[in-house]
Amino acid sequence: MSKTLSYPELAALLQSRAGVTVDPGELERPGSYFDDFGVDSLGLLGVVGELENRHGLKVTSGAESAKTPAEFVQLVNASLAPKGA
């Protein structure tokens, strides 16, 4: 996994950690909400935990309560960005 989270990577994580299969293109669609795909905060918490394990750092607090895929990706990528960049 790269140092940024992409929509295809998010779709794979949602499948493995939340048990929800989602097309990455649907995640990118403006106006899409996690509720639309049956993803709840517990599912996102599993995804956050996996990202933290992979990268060895804390993902921004609140990512697990993101309402949209775009918001989640933005919060995660801000956490993964090198400090001072």
PDB file of N, CA and C in Angstrom:
ATOM      1  N   MET A   1       0.838  -1.187   0.000  1.00  0.00           N
ATOM      2  CA  MET A   1       0.000   0.000   0.000  1.00  0.00           C
ATOM      3  C   MET A   1       0.880   1.246   0.000  1.00  0.00           C
ATOM      4  N   SER A   2       0.479   2.205  -0.760  1.00  0.00           N
ATOM      5  CA  SER A   2       1.254   3.435  -0.847  1.00  0.00           C
ATOM      6  C   SER A   2       1.041   4.272   0.411  1.00  0.00           C
ATOM      7  N   LYS A   3       1.639   5.444   0.439  1.00  0.00           N
ATOM      8  CA  LYS A   3       1.496   6.342   1.578  1.00  0.00           C
ATOM      9  C   LYS A   3       0.244   7.202   1.481  1.00  0.00           C
ATOM     10  N   THR A   4      -0.608   6.921   0.521  1.00  0.00           N
ATOM     11  CA  THR A   4      -1.918   7.558   0.456  1.00  0.00           C
ATOM     12  C   THR A   4      -2.957   6.468   0.216  1.00  0.00           C
ATOM     13  N   LEU A   5      -4.155   6.713   0.660  1.00  0.00           N
ATOM     14  CA  LEU A   5      -5.247   5.767   0.487  1.00  0.00           C
ATOM     15  C   LEU A   5      -6.009   6.123  -0.775  1.00  0.00           C
ATOM     16  N   SER A   6      -6.145   5.163  -1.675  1.00  0.00           N
ATOM     17  CA  SER A   6      -6.915   5.367  -2.899  1.00  0.00           C
ATOM     18  C   SER A   6      -8.290   4.723  -2.735  1.00  0.00           C
ATOM     19  N   TYR A   7      -9.192   5.037  -3.637  1.00  0.00           N
ATOM     20  CA  TYR A   7     -10.526   4.450  -3.577  1.00  0.00           C
ATOM     21  C   TYR A   7     -10.505   2.938  -3.818  1.00  0.00           C
ATOM     22  N   PRO A   8      -9.693   2.423  -4.753  1.00  0.00           N
ATOM     23  CA  PRO A   8      -9.608   0.957  -4.876  1.00  0.00           C
ATOM     24  C   PRO A   8      -9.089   0.289  -3.601  1.00  0.00           C
ATOM     25  N   GLU A   9      -8.133   0.917  -2.937  1.00  0.00           N
ATOM     26  CA  GLU A   9      -7.626   0.364  -1.669  1.00  0.00           C
ATOM     27  C   GLU A   9      -8.699   0.423  -0.585  1.00  0.00           C
ATOM     28  N   LEU A  10      -9.454   1.510  -0.552  1.00  0.00           N
ATOM     29  CA  LEU A  10     -10.544   1.620   0.414  1.00  0.00           C
ATOM     30  C   LEU A  10     -11.584   0.539   0.153  1.00  0.00           C
ATOM     31  N   ALA A  11     -11.925   0.302  -1.107  1.00  0.00           N
ATOM     32  CA  ALA A  11     -12.901  -0.745  -1.439  1.00  0.00           C
ATOM     33  C   ALA A  11     -12.414  -2.114  -0.970  1.00  0.00           C
ATOM     34  N   ALA A  12     -11.130  -2.408  -1.163  1.00  0.00           N
ATOM     35  CA  ALA A  12     -10.566  -3.684  -0.719  1.00  0.00           C
ATOM     36  C   ALA A  12     -10.598  -3.799   0.802  1.00  0.00           C
ATOM     37  N   LEU A  13     -10.289  -2.717   1.493  1.00  0.00           N
ATOM     38  CA  LEU A  13     -10.327  -2.720   2.958  1.00  0.00           C
ATOM     39  C   LEU A  13     -11.754  -2.873   3.483  1.00  0.00           C
ATOM     40  N   LEU A  14     -12.708  -2.241   2.823  1.00  0.00           N
ATOM     41  CA  LEU A  14     -14.103  -2.388   3.239  1.00  0.00           C
ATOM     42  C   LEU A  14     -14.558  -3.833   3.089  1.00  0.00           C
ATOM     43  N   GLN A  15     -14.087  -4.480   2.037  1.00  0.00           N
ATOM     44  CA  GLN A  15     -14.465  -5.879   1.836  1.00  0.00           C
ATOM     45  C   GLN A  15     -13.831  -6.768   2.899  1.00  0.00           C
ATOM     46  N   SER A  16     -12.536  -6.568   3.164  1.00  0.00           N
ATOM     47  CA  SER A  16     -11.843  -7.448   4.101  1.00  0.00           C
ATOM     48  C   SER A  16     -12.159  -7.150   5.565  1.00  0.00           C
ATOM     49  N   ARG A  17     -12.401  -5.899   5.915  1.00  0.00           N
ATOM     50  CA  ARG A  17     -12.595  -5.528   7.318  1.00  0.00           C
ATOM     51  C   ARG A  17     -14.041  -5.270   7.717  1.00  0.00           C
ATOM     52  N   ALA A  18     -14.885  -4.895   6.750  1.00  0.00           N
ATOM     53  CA  ALA A  18     -16.281  -4.612   7.075  1.00  0.00           C
ATOM     54  C   ALA A  18     -17.233  -5.601   6.414  1.00  0.00           C
ATOM     55  N   GLY A  19     -16.694  -6.462   5.535  1.00  0.00           N
ATOM     56  CA  GLY A  19     -17.521  -7.457   4.868  1.00  0.00           C
ATOM     57  C   GLY A  19     -18.471  -6.883   3.840  1.00  0.00           C
ATOM     58  N   VAL A  20     -18.137  -5.718   3.304  1.00  0.00           N
ATOM     59  CA  VAL A  20     -18.996  -5.039   2.337  1.00  0.00           C
ATOM     60  C   VAL A  20     -18.256  -4.909   1.012  1.00  0.00           C
ATOM     61  N   THR A  21     -18.873  -5.409  -0.052  1.00  0.00           N
ATOM     62  CA  THR A  21     -18.277  -5.292  -1.385  1.00  0.00           C
ATOM     63  C   THR A  21     -18.830  -4.049  -2.073  1.00  0.00           C
ATOM     64  N   VAL A  22     -17.915  -3.161  -2.450  1.00  0.00           N
ATOM     65  CA  VAL A  22     -18.285  -1.897  -3.086  1.00  0.00           C
ATOM     66  C   VAL A  22     -17.376  -1.665  -4.274  1.00  0.00           C
ATOM     67  N   ASP A  23     -17.942  -1.220  -5.373  1.00  0.00           N
ATOM     68  CA  ASP A  23     -17.150  -0.839  -6.540  1.00  0.00           C
ATOM     69  C   ASP A  23     -16.429   0.467  -6.225  1.00  0.00           C
ATOM     70  N   PRO A  24     -15.100   0.518  -6.463  1.00  0.00           N
ATOM     71  CA  PRO A  24     -14.361   1.756  -6.164  1.00  0.00           C
ATOM     72  C   PRO A  24     -14.946   2.994  -6.846  1.00  0.00           C
ATOM     73  N   GLY A  25     -15.462   2.827  -8.039  1.00  0.00           N
ATOM     74  CA  GLY A  25     -16.059   3.961  -8.748  1.00  0.00           C
ATOM     75  C   GLY A  25     -17.266   4.524  -8.017  1.00  0.00           C
ATOM     76  N   GLU A  26     -18.009   3.652  -7.349  1.00  0.00           N
ATOM     77  CA  GLU A  26     -19.159   4.114  -6.574  1.00  0.00           C
ATOM     78  C   GLU A  26     -18.719   4.907  -5.353  1.00  0.00           C
ATOM     79  N   LEU A  27     -17.586   4.520  -4.771  1.00  0.00           N
ATOM     80  CA  LEU A  27     -17.055   5.267  -3.625  1.00  0.00           C
ATOM     81  C   LEU A  27     -16.657   6.683  -4.020  1.00  0.00           C
ATOM     82  N   GLU A  28     -16.189   6.835  -5.249  1.00  0.00           N
ATOM     83  CA  GLU A  28     -15.735   8.147  -5.737  1.00  0.00           C
ATOM     84  C   GLU A  28     -16.877   9.058  -6.155  1.00  0.00           C
ATOM     85  N   ARG A  29     -18.049   8.483  -6.348  1.00  0.00           N
ATOM     86  CA  ARG A  29     -19.191   9.251  -6.849  1.00  0.00           C
ATOM     87  C   ARG A  29     -19.544  10.373  -5.876  1.00  0.00           C
ATOM     88  N   PRO A  30     -19.598  11.624  -6.355  1.00  0.00           N
ATOM     89  CA  PRO A  30     -19.987  12.734  -5.475  1.00  0.00           C
ATOM     90  C   PRO A  30     -21.358  12.467  -4.861  1.00  0.00           C
ATOM     91  N   GLY A  31     -21.474  12.783  -3.596  1.00  0.00           N
ATOM     92  CA  GLY A  31     -22.748  12.594  -2.914  1.00  0.00           C
ATOM     93  C   GLY A  31     -22.967  11.204  -2.360  1.00  0.00           C
ATOM     94  N   SER A  32     -21.965  10.329  -2.472  1.00  0.00           N
ATOM     95  CA  SER A  32     -22.130   8.987  -1.913  1.00  0.00           C
ATOM     96  C   SER A  32     -21.818   9.011  -0.430  1.00  0.00           C
ATOM     97  N   TYR A  33     -22.578   8.259   0.314  1.00  0.00           N
ATOM     98  CA  TYR A  33     -22.417   8.134   1.758  1.00  0.00           C
ATOM     99  C   TYR A  33     -22.165   6.675   2.106  1.00  0.00           C
ATOM    100  N   PHE A  34     -21.419   6.444   3.179  1.00  0.00           N
ATOM    101  CA  PHE A  34     -21.164   5.077   3.603  1.00  0.00           C
ATOM    102  C   PHE A  34     -22.471   4.339   3.879  1.00  0.00           C
ATOM    103  N   ASP A  35     -23.475   5.038   4.390  1.00  0.00           N
ATOM    104  CA  ASP A  35     -24.781   4.416   4.643  1.00  0.00           C
ATOM    105  C   ASP A  35     -25.360   3.801   3.374  1.00  0.00           C
ATOM    106  N   ASP A  36     -25.093   4.424   2.222  1.00  0.00           N
ATOM    107  CA  ASP A  36     -25.597   3.922   0.945  1.00  0.00           C
ATOM    108  C   ASP A  36     -25.090   2.515   0.648  1.00  0.00           C
ATOM    109  N   PHE A  37     -23.923   2.173   1.208  1.00  0.00           N
ATOM    110  CA  PHE A  37     -23.284   0.893   0.931  1.00  0.00           C
ATOM    111  C   PHE A  37     -23.416  -0.092   2.099  1.00  0.00           C
ATOM    112  N   GLY A  38     -24.078   0.333   3.156  1.00  0.00           N
ATOM    113  CA  GLY A  38     -24.226  -0.530   4.320  1.00  0.00           C
ATOM    114  C   GLY A  38     -23.005  -0.563   5.220  1.00  0.00           C
ATOM    115  N   VAL A  39     -22.192   0.481   5.159  1.00  0.00           N
ATOM    116  CA  VAL A  39     -20.991   0.568   5.989  1.00  0.00           C
ATOM    117  C   VAL A  39     -21.294   1.470   7.185  1.00  0.00           C
ATOM    118  N   ASP A  40     -21.051   0.939   8.389  1.00  0.00           N
ATOM    119  CA  ASP A  40     -21.291   1.732   9.597  1.00  0.00           C
ATOM    120  C   ASP A  40     -19.967   2.102  10.267  1.00  0.00           C
ATOM    121  N   SER A  41     -20.057   2.774  11.397  1.00  0.00           N
ATOM    122  CA  SER A  41     -18.844   3.239  12.073  1.00  0.00           C
ATOM    123  C   SER A  41     -17.980   2.078  12.562  1.00  0.00           C
ATOM    124  N   LEU A  42     -18.591   0.957  12.918  1.00  0.00           N
ATOM    125  CA  LEU A  42     -17.795  -0.200  13.330  1.00  0.00           C
ATOM    126  C   LEU A  42     -16.993  -0.763  12.168  1.00  0.00           C
ATOM    127  N   GLY A  43     -17.585  -0.774  10.988  1.00  0.00           N
ATOM    128  CA  GLY A  43     -16.850  -1.210   9.797  1.00  0.00           C
ATOM    129  C   GLY A  43     -15.680  -0.289   9.512  1.00  0.00           C
ATOM    130  N   LEU A  44     -15.913   1.003   9.641  1.00  0.00           N
ATOM    131  CA  LEU A  44     -14.833   1.964   9.413  1.00  0.00           C
ATOM    132  C   LEU A  44     -13.757   1.850  10.482  1.00  0.00           C
ATOM    133  N   LEU A  45     -14.158   1.525  11.695  1.00  0.00           N
ATOM    134  CA  LEU A  45     -13.186   1.336  12.759  1.00  0.00           C
ATOM    135  C   LEU A  45     -12.242   0.178  12.427  1.00  0.00           C
ATOM    136  N   GLY A  46     -12.782  -0.872  11.828  1.00  0.00           N
ATOM    137  CA  GLY A  46     -11.941  -1.987  11.387  1.00  0.00           C
ATOM    138  C   GLY A  46     -10.967  -1.566  10.308  1.00  0.00           C
ATOM    139  N   VAL A  47     -11.418  -0.733   9.393  1.00  0.00           N
ATOM    140  CA  VAL A  47     -10.550  -0.228   8.333  1.00  0.00           C
ATOM    141  C   VAL A  47      -9.454   0.660   8.937  1.00  0.00           C
ATOM    142  N   VAL A  48      -9.825   1.534   9.855  1.00  0.00           N
ATOM    143  CA  VAL A  48      -8.847   2.411  10.520  1.00  0.00           C
ATOM    144  C   VAL A  48      -7.801   1.566  11.240  1.00  0.00           C
ATOM    145  N   GLY A  49      -8.252   0.545  11.966  1.00  0.00           N
ATOM    146  CA  GLY A  49      -7.319  -0.331  12.673  1.00  0.00           C
ATOM    147  C   GLY A  49      -6.333  -0.998  11.739  1.00  0.00           C
ATOM    148  N   GLU A  50      -6.812  -1.462  10.599  1.00  0.00           N
ATOM    149  CA  GLU A  50      -5.922  -2.087   9.619  1.00  0.00           C
ATOM    150  C   GLU A  50      -4.910  -1.077   9.079  1.00  0.00           C
ATOM    151  N   LEU A  51      -5.362   0.132   8.783  1.00  0.00           N
ATOM    152  CA  LEU A  51      -4.450   1.167   8.282  1.00  0.00           C
ATOM    153  C   LEU A  51      -3.395   1.513   9.326  1.00  0.00           C
ATOM    154  N   GLU A  52      -3.803   1.602  10.584  1.00  0.00           N
ATOM    155  CA  GLU A  52      -2.838   1.913  11.643  1.00  0.00           C
ATOM    156  C   GLU A  52      -1.814   0.796  11.790  1.00  0.00           C
ATOM    157  N   ASN A  53      -2.252  -0.450  11.686  1.00  0.00           N
ATOM    158  CA  ASN A  53      -1.321  -1.582  11.751  1.00  0.00           C
ATOM    159  C   ASN A  53      -0.338  -1.569  10.590  1.00  0.00           C
ATOM    160  N   ARG A  54      -0.826  -1.275   9.400  1.00  0.00           N
ATOM    161  CA  ARG A  54       0.030  -1.263   8.208  1.00  0.00           C
ATOM    162  C   ARG A  54       1.078  -0.164   8.243  1.00  0.00           C
ATOM    163  N   HIS A  55       0.671   0.992   8.749  1.00  0.00           N
ATOM    164  CA  HIS A  55       1.553   2.159   8.682  1.00  0.00           C
ATOM    165  C   HIS A  55       2.247   2.473   9.997  1.00  0.00           C
ATOM    166  N   GLY A  56       1.830   1.812  11.074  1.00  0.00           N
ATOM    167  CA  GLY A  56       2.472   2.034  12.360  1.00  0.00           C
ATOM    168  C   GLY A  56       2.291   3.432  12.907  1.00  0.00           C
ATOM    169  N   LEU A  57       1.165   4.054  12.597  1.00  0.00           N
ATOM    170  CA  LEU A  57       0.891   5.378  13.132  1.00  0.00           C
ATOM    171  C   LEU A  57      -0.591   5.560  13.337  1.00  0.00           C
ATOM    172  N   LYS A  58      -0.932   6.570  14.109  1.00  0.00           N
ATOM    173  CA  LYS A  58      -2.321   6.846  14.439  1.00  0.00           C
ATOM    174  C   LYS A  58      -2.995   7.592  13.297  1.00  0.00           C
ATOM    175  N   VAL A  59      -4.139   7.073  12.879  1.00  0.00           N
ATOM    176  CA  VAL A  59      -4.946   7.756  11.876  1.00  0.00           C
ATOM    177  C   VAL A  59      -5.787   8.796  12.609  1.00  0.00           C
ATOM    178  N   THR A  60      -5.994   9.923  11.979  1.00  0.00           N
ATOM    179  CA  THR A  60      -6.725  11.034  12.576  1.00  0.00           C
ATOM    180  C   THR A  60      -7.980  10.577  13.292  1.00  0.00           C
ATOM    181  N   SER A  61      -8.126  11.018  14.511  1.00  0.00           N
ATOM    182  CA  SER A  61      -9.336  10.743  15.277  1.00  0.00           C
ATOM    183  C   SER A  61     -10.534  11.276  14.509  1.00  0.00           C
ATOM    184  N   GLY A  62     -11.567  10.496  14.454  1.00  0.00           N
ATOM    185  CA  GLY A  62     -12.774  10.923  13.747  1.00  0.00           C
ATOM    186  C   GLY A  62     -12.939  10.273  12.396  1.00  0.00           C
ATOM    187  N   ALA A  63     -11.894   9.620  11.869  1.00  0.00           N
ATOM    188  CA  ALA A  63     -12.017   8.991  10.565  1.00  0.00           C
ATOM    189  C   ALA A  63     -13.090   7.907  10.583  1.00  0.00           C
ATOM    190  N   GLU A  64     -13.208   7.201  11.723  1.00  0.00           N
ATOM    191  CA  GLU A  64     -14.202   6.136  11.805  1.00  0.00           C
ATOM    192  C   GLU A  64     -15.635   6.659  11.849  1.00  0.00           C
ATOM    193  N   SER A  65     -15.810   7.956  12.051  1.00  0.00           N
ATOM    194  CA  SER A  65     -17.155   8.527  12.035  1.00  0.00           C
ATOM    195  C   SER A  65     -17.419   9.351  10.772  1.00  0.00           C
ATOM    196  N   ALA A  66     -16.538   9.240   9.788  1.00  0.00           N
ATOM    197  CA  ALA A  66     -16.735   9.946   8.517  1.00  0.00           C
ATOM    198  C   ALA A  66     -18.043   9.477   7.879  1.00  0.00           C
ATOM    199  N   LYS A  67     -18.753  10.365   7.278  1.00  0.00           N
ATOM    200  CA  LYS A  67     -20.032  10.036   6.650  1.00  0.00           C
ATOM    201  C   LYS A  67     -19.896   9.663   5.177  1.00  0.00           C
ATOM    202  N   THR A  68     -18.839  10.183   4.535  1.00  0.00           N
ATOM    203  CA  THR A  68     -18.660   9.930   3.106  1.00  0.00           C
ATOM    204  C   THR A  68     -17.294   9.320   2.833  1.00  0.00           C
ATOM    205  N   PRO A  69     -17.183   8.555   1.756  1.00  0.00           N
ATOM    206  CA  PRO A  69     -15.868   8.036   1.379  1.00  0.00           C
ATOM    207  C   PRO A  69     -14.857   9.155   1.138  1.00  0.00           C
ATOM    208  N   ALA A  70     -15.284  10.245   0.515  1.00  0.00           N
ATOM    209  CA  ALA A  70     -14.368  11.360   0.241  1.00  0.00           C
ATOM    210  C   ALA A  70     -13.816  11.945   1.537  1.00  0.00           C
ATOM    211  N   GLU A  71     -14.674  12.113   2.531  1.00  0.00           N
ATOM    212  CA  GLU A  71     -14.242  12.635   3.830  1.00  0.00           C
ATOM    213  C   GLU A  71     -13.254  11.670   4.487  1.00  0.00           C
ATOM    214  N   PHE A  72     -13.548  10.367   4.429  1.00  0.00           N
ATOM    215  CA  PHE A  72     -12.681   9.362   5.024  1.00  0.00           C
ATOM    216  C   PHE A  72     -11.308   9.370   4.369  1.00  0.00           C
ATOM    217  N   VAL A  73     -11.278   9.358   3.040  1.00  0.00           N
ATOM    218  CA  VAL A  73     -10.002   9.357   2.315  1.00  0.00           C
ATOM    219  C   VAL A  73      -9.199  10.609   2.652  1.00  0.00           C
ATOM    220  N   GLN A  74      -9.855  11.752   2.717  1.00  0.00           N
ATOM    221  CA  GLN A  74      -9.163  13.003   3.038  1.00  0.00           C
ATOM    222  C   GLN A  74      -8.557  12.950   4.439  1.00  0.00           C
ATOM    223  N   LEU A  75      -9.327  12.481   5.424  1.00  0.00           N
ATOM    224  CA  LEU A  75      -8.824  12.403   6.799  1.00  0.00           C
ATOM    225  C   LEU A  75      -7.671  11.422   6.915  1.00  0.00           C
ATOM    226  N   VAL A  76      -7.808  10.261   6.294  1.00  0.00           N
ATOM    227  CA  VAL A  76      -6.739   9.256   6.360  1.00  0.00           C
ATOM    228  C   VAL A  76      -5.482   9.767   5.680  1.00  0.00           C
ATOM    229  N   ASN A  77      -5.613  10.336   4.495  1.00  0.00           N
ATOM    230  CA  ASN A  77      -4.436  10.813   3.777  1.00  0.00           C
ATOM    231  C   ASN A  77      -3.751  11.960   4.496  1.00  0.00           C
ATOM    232  N   ALA A  78      -4.508  12.782   5.210  1.00  0.00           N
ATOM    233  CA  ALA A  78      -3.884  13.834   6.021  1.00  0.00           C
ATOM    234  C   ALA A  78      -3.063  13.218   7.146  1.00  0.00           C
ATOM    235  N   SER A  79      -3.539  12.108   7.699  1.00  0.00           N
ATOM    236  CA  SER A  79      -2.800  11.428   8.764  1.00  0.00           C
ATOM    237  C   SER A  79      -1.543  10.750   8.234  1.00  0.00           C
ATOM    238  N   LEU A  80      -1.621  10.245   7.001  1.00  0.00           N
ATOM    239  CA  LEU A  80      -0.491   9.504   6.440  1.00  0.00           C
ATOM    240  C   LEU A  80       0.571  10.399   5.818  1.00  0.00           C
ATOM    241  N   ALA A  81       0.214  11.672   5.581  1.00  0.00           N
ATOM    242  CA  ALA A  81       1.166  12.598   4.958  1.00  0.00           C
ATOM    243  C   ALA A  81       2.350  12.836   5.890  1.00  0.00           C
ATOM    244  N   PRO A  82       3.546  12.930   5.311  1.00  0.00           N
ATOM    245  CA  PRO A  82       4.713  13.244   6.153  1.00  0.00           C
ATOM    246  C   PRO A  82       4.503  14.581   6.845  1.00  0.00           C
ATOM    247  N   LYS A  83       4.872  14.642   8.099  1.00  0.00           N
ATOM    248  CA  LYS A  83       4.727  15.885   8.850  1.00  0.00           C
ATOM    249  C   LYS A  83       5.649  16.957   8.273  1.00  0.00           C
ATOM    250  N   GLY A  84       5.096  18.159   8.153  1.00  0.00           N
ATOM    251  CA  GLY A  84       5.866  19.263   7.621  1.00  0.00           C
ATOM    252  C   GLY A  84       5.793  19.342   6.094  1.00  0.00           C
ATOM    253  N   ALA A  85       4.962  18.462   5.487  1.00  0.00           N
ATOM    254  CA  ALA A  85       4.839  18.458   4.019  1.00  0.00           C
ATOM    255  C   ALA A  85       3.742  19.385   3.583  1.00  0.00           C
TER     256      ALA A  85
END
